[in-house]
Amino acid sequence: MTRSQALPSRLTYRLLPQPADRDAVRALLAAYRRMLVILDEIRRTHGLGANVVALIAHGYQRVRDETGLPARLVTLGIRDFARQPADLDPQQVSALPLDGKLFSLKGAAEITLTTLCGRRSMPYRVEGYDGPWRELSAARLTIAGDDITLVVGVPVMPTHPAPNPKEIRTMPETILTRVGRIIGGLSNAALEAVEDRNGLAVAEQALREIDAVIHEARLDLGRIKAEEHRLGARRGQLDGELSALPEKLELALASGREDLARAGISRQLDLESQIEAIDSSLGDVAERHAAAAKALQAAGAARRDAEHRIALLRKPPAGGTDPKAADTLAGYGEEAGRAERLARSLRAIDRATGTAGAVADPSVEELDRLHRDDAIERRLAALKGGLPA
């Protein structure tokens, strides 16, 4: 088999859902099985066999109406159904096909799935690679009892012949991957380097890199919020126009202008389609907003950790005590002052880059600090009461 003919490999993710998320996935599988029953009935009634076009024409709308499945899953399911044997028992089906719009990886910790009740985010762990991927769909979701796995087809990386350097394309690094790399590096390489005589320099360089990541995270969050505002404003305009149409349609009919009423209904359908598309985009933006906010919070936590380690390096314990035996919590009590200095420097960056109005509202920052302080107090109270923090 040549390099161009190599089949993709299978990459398996094991999802780790909460009970509500597991119920949502099971409900999705139940609706998918119901779709298979409907398609089997339509195939036998019309003698369609494996004709995908005819199955879509006769079954698409009915399946959508009776199951509430997402449109993309219905289309993928019909194609998958056409490839199955005629004696397939829908109740024995435990897997359903997905594409890149029905699932997505959110950073290094979560996968989102489209269900009957919207997008659901679930943590996962990678199970590993195995044999070649031979499916038509991009992925398959399998539910077996409490186990939920997502198997995705990924390209094979050939070992020979050596690729032409001009053909190598690197995937752009997102702010989420940068934050993960920063935290991972701070937890491993930088932590090991504190025993070295250059440990202080390494830790200070890590601090500078974290500051750069925080700056990028804030800019990214500002762009997302601007996009969210733009989509919301456009949706409001369309919604206002749609709300005004019924009265105009009644007036057109009362005046005997059926042609105008027909044109108004056409515009009504167009507006509904546009609003539905914007709502879908707003949902995606909301997910990106939450991910960017988590990235910013994680980068801030990494910075506090780096500052703490630098403080320990600069101020070794008295009496020649082993630094490893020092209290690792020492120095965190000065966090409020450091956070205020960081906030002032970030506000200066925002003013210089023109993003202050989008993401540097002092009230919002004060609210974030208040929320963090409250979380600290609640965990402290739990510890005092003998409860796990």
Protein backbone atom coordinates (compact mmCIF):
# COMPACT_ATOMS: atom_id res chain seq x y z
CA MET A 1 0.00 0.00 0.00
CA THR A 2 1.45 3.38 -0.98
CA ARG A 3 1.72 6.40 1.26
CA SER A 4 -1.30 8.07 -0.39
CA GLN A 5 -3.38 4.90 0.07
CA ALA A 6 -2.66 4.45 3.79
CA LEU A 7 -5.82 4.08 5.85
CA PRO A 8 -6.34 6.34 8.88
CA SER A 9 -5.72 4.85 12.30
CA ARG A 10 -8.29 4.56 15.10
CA LEU A 11 -7.89 6.83 18.14
CA THR A 12 -10.13 5.92 21.10
CA TYR A 13 -11.30 8.38 23.76
CA ARG A 14 -13.06 7.10 26.89
CA LEU A 15 -15.55 9.69 28.09
CA LEU A 16 -16.00 10.30 31.82
CA PRO A 17 -19.46 11.91 32.02
CA GLN A 18 -21.48 13.08 34.99
CA PRO A 19 -24.80 11.22 35.55
CA ALA A 20 -26.82 13.92 33.74
CA ASP A 21 -24.44 13.81 30.76
CA ARG A 22 -24.61 10.01 30.64
CA ASP A 23 -28.42 10.19 30.59
CA ALA A 24 -28.26 12.70 27.73
CA VAL A 25 -26.06 10.33 25.70
CA ARG A 26 -28.37 7.40 26.40
CA ALA A 27 -31.37 9.48 25.28
CA LEU A 28 -29.48 10.28 22.06
CA LEU A 29 -28.90 6.56 21.44
CA ALA A 30 -32.58 5.79 22.12
CA ALA A 31 -33.65 8.42 19.58
CA TYR A 32 -31.14 7.01 17.08
CA ARG A 33 -32.60 3.52 17.52
CA ARG A 34 -36.07 4.99 16.97
CA MET A 35 -34.77 6.49 13.72
CA LEU A 36 -33.60 3.05 12.56
CA VAL A 37 -37.08 1.63 13.23
CA ILE A 38 -38.64 4.41 11.14
CA LEU A 39 -36.16 3.92 8.30
CA ASP A 40 -36.74 0.16 8.27
CA GLU A 41 -40.49 0.74 8.02
CA ILE A 42 -40.02 3.20 5.15
CA ARG A 43 -37.63 0.87 3.34
CA ARG A 44 -40.07 -2.05 3.51
CA THR A 45 -43.09 0.09 2.60
CA HIS A 46 -41.51 1.64 -0.49
CA GLY A 47 -39.10 -1.16 -1.41
CA LEU A 48 -36.14 1.21 -1.32
CA GLY A 49 -33.33 -1.17 -0.45
CA ALA A 50 -30.06 0.74 0.05
CA ASN A 51 -31.07 3.81 -1.97
CA VAL A 52 -29.73 6.63 0.21
CA VAL A 53 -31.29 9.41 -1.87
CA ALA A 54 -34.76 7.82 -1.69
CA LEU A 55 -34.40 7.11 2.04
CA ILE A 56 -33.54 10.76 2.69
CA ALA A 57 -36.44 11.94 0.53
CA HIS A 58 -38.99 9.73 2.30
CA GLY A 59 -37.59 9.62 5.82
CA TYR A 60 -35.57 12.72 6.65
CA GLN A 61 -38.39 15.02 7.74
CA ARG A 62 -40.33 12.30 9.50
CA VAL A 63 -37.27 11.26 11.49
CA ARG A 64 -36.57 14.86 12.44
CA ASP A 65 -40.16 15.40 13.57
CA GLU A 66 -40.49 12.16 15.56
CA THR A 67 -37.05 11.92 17.17
CA GLY A 68 -35.71 15.48 17.48
CA LEU A 69 -32.28 14.29 16.33
CA PRO A 70 -29.86 16.91 14.96
CA ALA A 71 -30.05 17.29 11.18
CA ARG A 72 -26.45 16.19 10.61
CA LEU A 73 -26.91 13.04 12.68
CA VAL A 74 -30.06 12.15 10.71
CA THR A 75 -28.17 12.44 7.41
CA LEU A 76 -25.22 10.43 8.71
CA GLY A 77 -27.57 7.86 10.24
CA ILE A 78 -29.45 7.32 6.97
CA ARG A 79 -26.19 6.71 5.11
CA ASP A 80 -25.04 4.34 7.83
CA PHE A 81 -28.41 2.54 7.82
CA ALA A 82 -28.18 1.95 4.05
CA ARG A 83 -24.92 0.02 4.58
CA GLN A 84 -26.37 -2.29 7.27
CA PRO A 85 -27.98 -5.72 6.59
CA ALA A 86 -31.75 -5.80 6.12
CA ASP A 87 -32.27 -7.95 9.24
CA LEU A 88 -30.58 -5.42 11.54
CA ASP A 89 -32.20 -5.25 15.00
CA PRO A 90 -32.29 -1.55 16.02
CA GLN A 91 -32.33 -2.45 19.72
CA GLN A 92 -28.95 -4.16 19.35
CA VAL A 93 -27.33 -1.05 17.88
CA SER A 94 -24.97 0.57 20.39
CA ALA A 95 -22.98 2.95 18.18
CA LEU A 96 -23.84 5.97 16.07
CA PRO A 97 -21.82 7.92 13.49
CA LEU A 98 -20.60 11.47 14.14
CA ASP A 99 -18.85 14.19 12.20
CA GLY A 100 -16.74 17.17 13.20
CA LYS A 101 -19.82 19.32 13.87
CA LEU A 102 -21.41 16.84 16.29
CA PHE A 103 -18.35 16.55 18.53
CA SER A 104 -15.25 18.59 19.23
CA LEU A 105 -12.24 18.58 21.53
CA LYS A 106 -12.13 21.53 23.92
CA GLY A 107 -8.55 21.77 25.04
CA ALA A 108 -6.71 18.87 26.59
CA ALA A 109 -9.40 17.86 29.06
CA GLU A 110 -12.92 17.96 27.57
CA ILE A 111 -14.94 16.77 24.61
CA THR A 112 -18.29 18.31 23.69
CA LEU A 113 -21.12 16.29 22.14
CA THR A 114 -24.33 17.45 20.52
CA THR A 115 -27.29 15.76 22.25
CA LEU A 116 -31.07 16.18 22.19
CA CYS A 117 -30.74 18.82 24.91
CA GLY A 118 -27.86 20.81 23.46
CA ARG A 119 -24.07 20.53 23.72
CA ARG A 120 -22.63 18.58 26.63
CA SER A 121 -19.03 18.87 27.86
CA MET A 122 -17.38 15.78 29.33
CA PRO A 123 -13.85 14.99 30.49
CA TYR A 124 -12.04 12.14 28.78
CA ARG A 125 -8.91 10.06 28.73
CA VAL A 126 -7.10 8.72 25.68
CA GLU A 127 -7.21 4.93 25.42
CA GLY A 128 -4.73 4.71 22.52
CA TYR A 129 -4.45 3.81 18.85
CA ASP A 130 -5.26 0.56 17.08
CA GLY A 131 -6.14 -0.90 13.66
CA PRO A 132 -7.10 1.06 10.52
CA TRP A 133 -10.25 3.21 10.34
CA ARG A 134 -12.62 1.95 7.63
CA GLU A 135 -15.77 3.95 8.40
CA LEU A 136 -17.31 6.59 6.15
CA SER A 137 -18.04 8.91 9.08
CA ALA A 138 -15.36 10.86 10.95
CA ALA A 139 -16.08 9.12 14.27
CA ARG A 140 -18.36 6.68 16.09
CA LEU A 141 -19.84 7.04 19.55
CA THR A 142 -20.39 3.72 21.37
CA ILE A 143 -22.50 3.25 24.51
CA ALA A 144 -22.12 -0.05 26.35
CA GLY A 145 -23.65 0.09 29.82
CA ASP A 146 -21.87 2.86 31.69
CA ASP A 147 -18.95 2.87 29.25
CA ILE A 148 -19.01 5.57 26.59
CA THR A 149 -16.23 5.69 24.02
CA LEU A 150 -15.57 7.90 21.01
CA VAL A 151 -13.46 6.38 18.25
CA VAL A 152 -12.04 8.82 15.70
CA GLY A 153 -10.21 8.21 12.45
CA VAL A 154 -6.86 10.03 12.43
CA PRO A 155 -4.28 10.23 9.61
CA VAL A 156 -1.34 7.86 9.72
CA MET A 157 2.05 9.55 10.10
CA PRO A 158 4.37 7.67 7.68
CA THR A 159 7.94 6.93 8.74
CA HIS A 160 9.28 6.77 5.16
CA PRO A 161 9.96 8.17 2.70
CA ALA A 162 11.13 11.31 4.51
CA PRO A 163 8.72 14.18 3.88
CA ASN A 164 9.77 17.22 1.95
CA PRO A 165 10.32 20.06 4.45
CA LYS A 166 8.23 22.31 2.23
CA GLU A 167 5.27 19.97 2.68
CA ILE A 168 5.37 20.02 6.48
CA ARG A 169 2.51 22.07 7.90
CA THR A 170 2.37 22.78 11.61
CA MET A 171 -0.97 23.05 13.38
CA PRO A 172 -1.46 26.53 14.86
CA GLU A 173 -1.08 26.58 18.64
CA THR A 174 -4.24 27.74 20.40
CA ILE A 175 -4.32 29.64 23.65
CA LEU A 176 -5.62 26.48 25.39
CA THR A 177 -2.64 24.42 24.25
CA ARG A 178 -0.26 27.22 25.25
CA VAL A 179 -1.75 27.38 28.73
CA GLY A 180 -1.48 23.60 29.03
CA ARG A 181 2.14 23.70 27.91
CA ILE A 182 2.95 26.50 30.36
CA ILE A 183 1.39 24.67 33.30
CA GLY A 184 2.98 21.37 32.28
CA GLY A 185 6.39 22.99 31.92
CA LEU A 186 6.08 24.79 35.23
CA SER A 187 5.11 21.55 36.96
CA ASN A 188 7.99 19.52 35.52
CA ALA A 189 11.04 21.16 33.96
CA ALA A 190 10.91 24.39 35.95
CA LEU A 191 10.20 22.57 39.20
CA GLU A 192 13.16 20.26 38.69
CA ALA A 193 15.37 23.22 37.80
CA VAL A 194 14.86 24.92 41.18
CA GLU A 195 17.51 22.56 42.58
CA ASP A 196 19.97 23.81 39.97
CA ARG A 197 22.05 26.93 40.47
CA ASN A 198 20.20 28.52 37.54
CA GLY A 199 16.81 27.72 39.05
CA LEU A 200 15.94 31.37 39.72
CA ALA A 201 16.66 32.39 36.14
CA VAL A 202 14.58 29.49 34.81
CA ALA A 203 11.66 30.35 37.08
CA GLU A 204 11.81 34.05 36.13
CA GLN A 205 11.82 33.15 32.45
CA ALA A 206 8.77 30.95 33.05
CA LEU A 207 7.10 33.92 34.73
CA ARG A 208 7.73 36.12 31.70
CA GLU A 209 6.34 33.48 29.38
CA ILE A 210 3.24 33.12 31.56
CA ASP A 211 2.72 36.90 31.37
CA ALA A 212 2.80 36.63 27.57
CA VAL A 213 0.22 33.83 27.69
CA ILE A 214 -2.02 35.87 30.00
CA HIS A 215 -1.83 38.78 27.56
CA GLU A 216 -2.82 36.51 24.65
CA ALA A 217 -5.60 34.92 26.68
CA ARG A 218 -7.10 38.32 27.47
CA LEU A 219 -6.91 39.39 23.83
CA ASP A 220 -8.54 36.11 22.78
CA LEU A 221 -11.31 36.60 25.33
CA GLY A 222 -11.84 40.15 24.09
CA ARG A 223 -12.20 38.99 20.48
CA ILE A 224 -14.70 36.32 21.49
CA LYS A 225 -16.78 38.81 23.48
CA ALA A 226 -16.75 41.21 20.52
CA GLU A 227 -17.98 38.43 18.23
CA GLU A 228 -20.67 37.50 20.76
CA HIS A 229 -21.83 41.13 20.90
CA ARG A 230 -21.92 41.38 17.09
CA LEU A 231 -23.97 38.19 16.71
CA GLY A 232 -26.32 39.22 19.51
CA ALA A 233 -26.91 42.63 17.93
CA ARG A 234 -27.64 41.07 14.54
CA ARG A 235 -30.02 38.55 16.10
CA GLY A 236 -31.89 41.39 17.79
CA GLN A 237 -32.33 43.14 14.44
CA LEU A 238 -33.64 39.99 12.76
CA ASP A 239 -35.92 39.21 15.67
CA GLY A 240 -37.39 42.70 15.55
CA GLU A 241 -38.08 42.40 11.82
CA LEU A 242 -39.60 38.95 12.30
CA SER A 243 -41.89 40.19 15.09
CA ALA A 244 -43.23 42.96 12.85
CA LEU A 245 -44.11 40.67 9.95
CA PRO A 246 -47.37 39.02 11.20
CA GLU A 247 -49.15 42.38 11.41
CA LYS A 248 -47.96 43.29 7.92
CA LEU A 249 -49.11 39.94 6.53
CA GLU A 250 -52.58 40.42 8.01
CA LEU A 251 -52.77 43.90 6.47
CA ALA A 252 -51.71 42.58 3.06
CA LEU A 253 -54.39 39.86 3.12
CA ALA A 254 -57.02 42.32 4.32
CA SER A 255 -56.13 44.56 1.37
CA GLY A 256 -56.41 41.70 -1.11
CA ARG A 257 -52.68 41.72 -1.87
CA GLU A 258 -51.94 38.04 -1.80
CA ASP A 259 -48.73 38.64 -3.77
CA LEU A 260 -47.39 40.83 -0.98
CA ALA A 261 -48.45 38.29 1.64
CA ARG A 262 -46.61 35.55 -0.26
CA ALA A 263 -43.46 37.70 -0.41
CA GLY A 264 -43.78 38.43 3.32
CA ILE A 265 -44.03 34.73 4.15
CA SER A 266 -40.94 34.09 2.05
CA ARG A 267 -39.10 36.76 4.03
CA GLN A 268 -40.41 35.22 7.25
CA LEU A 269 -38.90 31.85 6.35
CA ASP A 270 -35.59 33.50 5.47
CA LEU A 271 -35.49 35.33 8.79
CA GLU A 272 -36.23 32.17 10.76
CA SER A 273 -33.39 30.36 8.98
CA GLN A 274 -30.97 33.20 9.69
CA ILE A 275 -31.97 33.34 13.36
CA GLU A 276 -31.49 29.59 13.70
CA ALA A 277 -28.00 29.88 12.15
CA ILE A 278 -27.10 32.77 14.48
CA ASP A 279 -28.34 30.84 17.52
CA SER A 280 -26.08 27.96 16.51
CA SER A 281 -23.14 30.35 16.15
CA LEU A 282 -23.92 31.93 19.52
CA GLY A 283 -23.83 28.50 21.14
CA ASP A 284 -20.40 27.85 19.65
CA VAL A 285 -19.18 31.28 20.75
CA ALA A 286 -20.46 30.64 24.28
CA GLU A 287 -18.41 27.43 24.44
CA ARG A 288 -15.32 29.25 23.19
CA HIS A 289 -15.95 32.03 25.71
CA ALA A 290 -16.09 29.52 28.57
CA ALA A 291 -12.92 27.79 27.35
CA ALA A 292 -11.06 31.12 27.00
CA ALA A 293 -12.17 32.19 30.48
CA LYS A 294 -10.88 28.89 31.92
CA ALA A 295 -7.61 29.37 30.04
CA LEU A 296 -7.19 32.85 31.51
CA GLN A 297 -7.99 31.56 35.01
CA ALA A 298 -5.51 28.69 34.61
CA ALA A 299 -2.78 31.05 33.37
CA GLY A 300 -3.37 33.29 36.39
CA ALA A 301 -3.05 30.28 38.69
CA ALA A 302 0.19 29.27 36.96
CA ARG A 303 1.54 32.79 37.50
CA ARG A 304 0.76 32.69 41.21
CA ASP A 305 2.52 29.34 41.43
CA ALA A 306 5.57 30.72 39.60
CA GLU A 307 5.71 33.78 41.86
CA HIS A 308 5.52 31.58 44.93
CA ARG A 309 8.42 29.43 43.75
CA ILE A 310 10.51 32.48 42.92
CA ALA A 311 9.84 33.84 46.39
CA LEU A 312 11.09 30.57 47.92
CA LEU A 313 14.23 30.66 45.79
CA ARG A 314 15.01 34.27 46.67
CA LYS A 315 14.40 33.75 50.38
CA PRO A 316 15.83 30.38 51.45
CA PRO A 317 14.93 29.16 54.94
CA ALA A 318 17.15 30.35 57.79
CA GLY A 319 19.65 28.11 59.53
CA GLY A 320 20.66 26.19 56.41
CA THR A 321 17.50 24.10 56.39
CA ASP A 322 16.94 22.01 53.31
CA PRO A 323 14.76 24.06 50.91
CA LYS A 324 12.72 20.95 50.22
CA ALA A 325 11.66 20.89 53.85
CA ALA A 326 10.37 24.47 53.75
CA ASP A 327 6.68 25.09 54.08
CA THR A 328 5.39 25.05 50.50
CA LEU A 329 2.47 27.23 51.45
CA ALA A 330 4.63 30.08 52.73
CA GLY A 331 4.25 33.25 50.71
CA TYR A 332 0.74 32.71 49.44
CA GLY A 333 -0.63 35.15 52.01
CA GLU A 334 0.77 38.02 49.91
CA GLU A 335 -1.30 36.95 46.93
CA ALA A 336 -3.75 39.86 47.11
CA GLY A 337 -0.99 42.44 46.65
CA ARG A 338 0.56 40.54 43.79
CA ALA A 339 -2.82 40.10 42.10
CA GLU A 340 -3.44 43.86 42.32
CA ARG A 341 -0.05 44.63 40.77
CA LEU A 342 -0.75 42.12 38.01
CA ALA A 343 -4.17 43.64 37.39
CA ARG A 344 -2.64 47.14 37.08
CA SER A 345 -0.04 45.94 34.58
CA LEU A 346 -2.65 44.09 32.53
CA ARG A 347 -4.89 47.16 32.47
CA ALA A 348 -1.95 49.16 31.11
CA ILE A 349 -1.46 46.55 28.38
CA ASP A 350 -5.17 46.69 27.55
CA ARG A 351 -5.05 50.49 27.22
CA ALA A 352 -2.01 50.27 24.95
CA THR A 353 -3.59 47.65 22.71
CA GLY A 354 -7.06 49.16 22.60
CA THR A 355 -8.80 46.22 24.28
CA ALA A 356 -9.51 47.82 27.64
CA GLY A 357 -13.21 48.30 27.00
CA ALA A 358 -13.66 44.65 26.03
CA VAL A 359 -11.96 42.74 28.81
CA ALA A 360 -10.39 45.02 31.42
CA ASP A 361 -13.37 46.31 33.35
CA PRO A 362 -12.08 46.83 36.94
CA SER A 363 -15.51 45.88 38.28
CA VAL A 364 -15.32 42.51 36.54
CA GLU A 365 -11.82 41.92 37.89
CA GLU A 366 -13.01 42.84 41.38
CA LEU A 367 -15.90 40.39 40.96
CA ASP A 368 -13.44 37.65 39.95
CA ARG A 369 -11.33 38.33 43.05
CA LEU A 370 -14.43 38.35 45.24
CA HIS A 371 -15.52 35.00 43.79
CA ARG A 372 -12.07 33.51 44.43
CA ASP A 373 -11.97 34.83 47.99
CA ASP A 374 -15.41 33.36 48.64
CA ALA A 375 -14.28 29.97 47.31
CA ILE A 376 -11.25 30.09 49.63
CA GLU A 377 -13.43 30.90 52.65
CA ARG A 378 -15.90 28.12 51.87
CA ARG A 379 -13.14 25.52 51.56
CA LEU A 380 -11.55 26.78 54.76
CA ALA A 381 -14.88 26.45 56.56
CA ALA A 382 -15.25 22.91 55.21
CA LEU A 383 -11.80 21.98 56.49
CA LYS A 384 -12.63 23.41 59.93
CA GLY A 385 -15.81 21.34 59.99
CA GLY A 386 -13.90 18.15 59.20
CA LEU A 387 -15.26 17.92 55.68
CA PRO A 388 -13.13 17.32 52.56
CA ALA A 389 -12.21 20.62 50.90
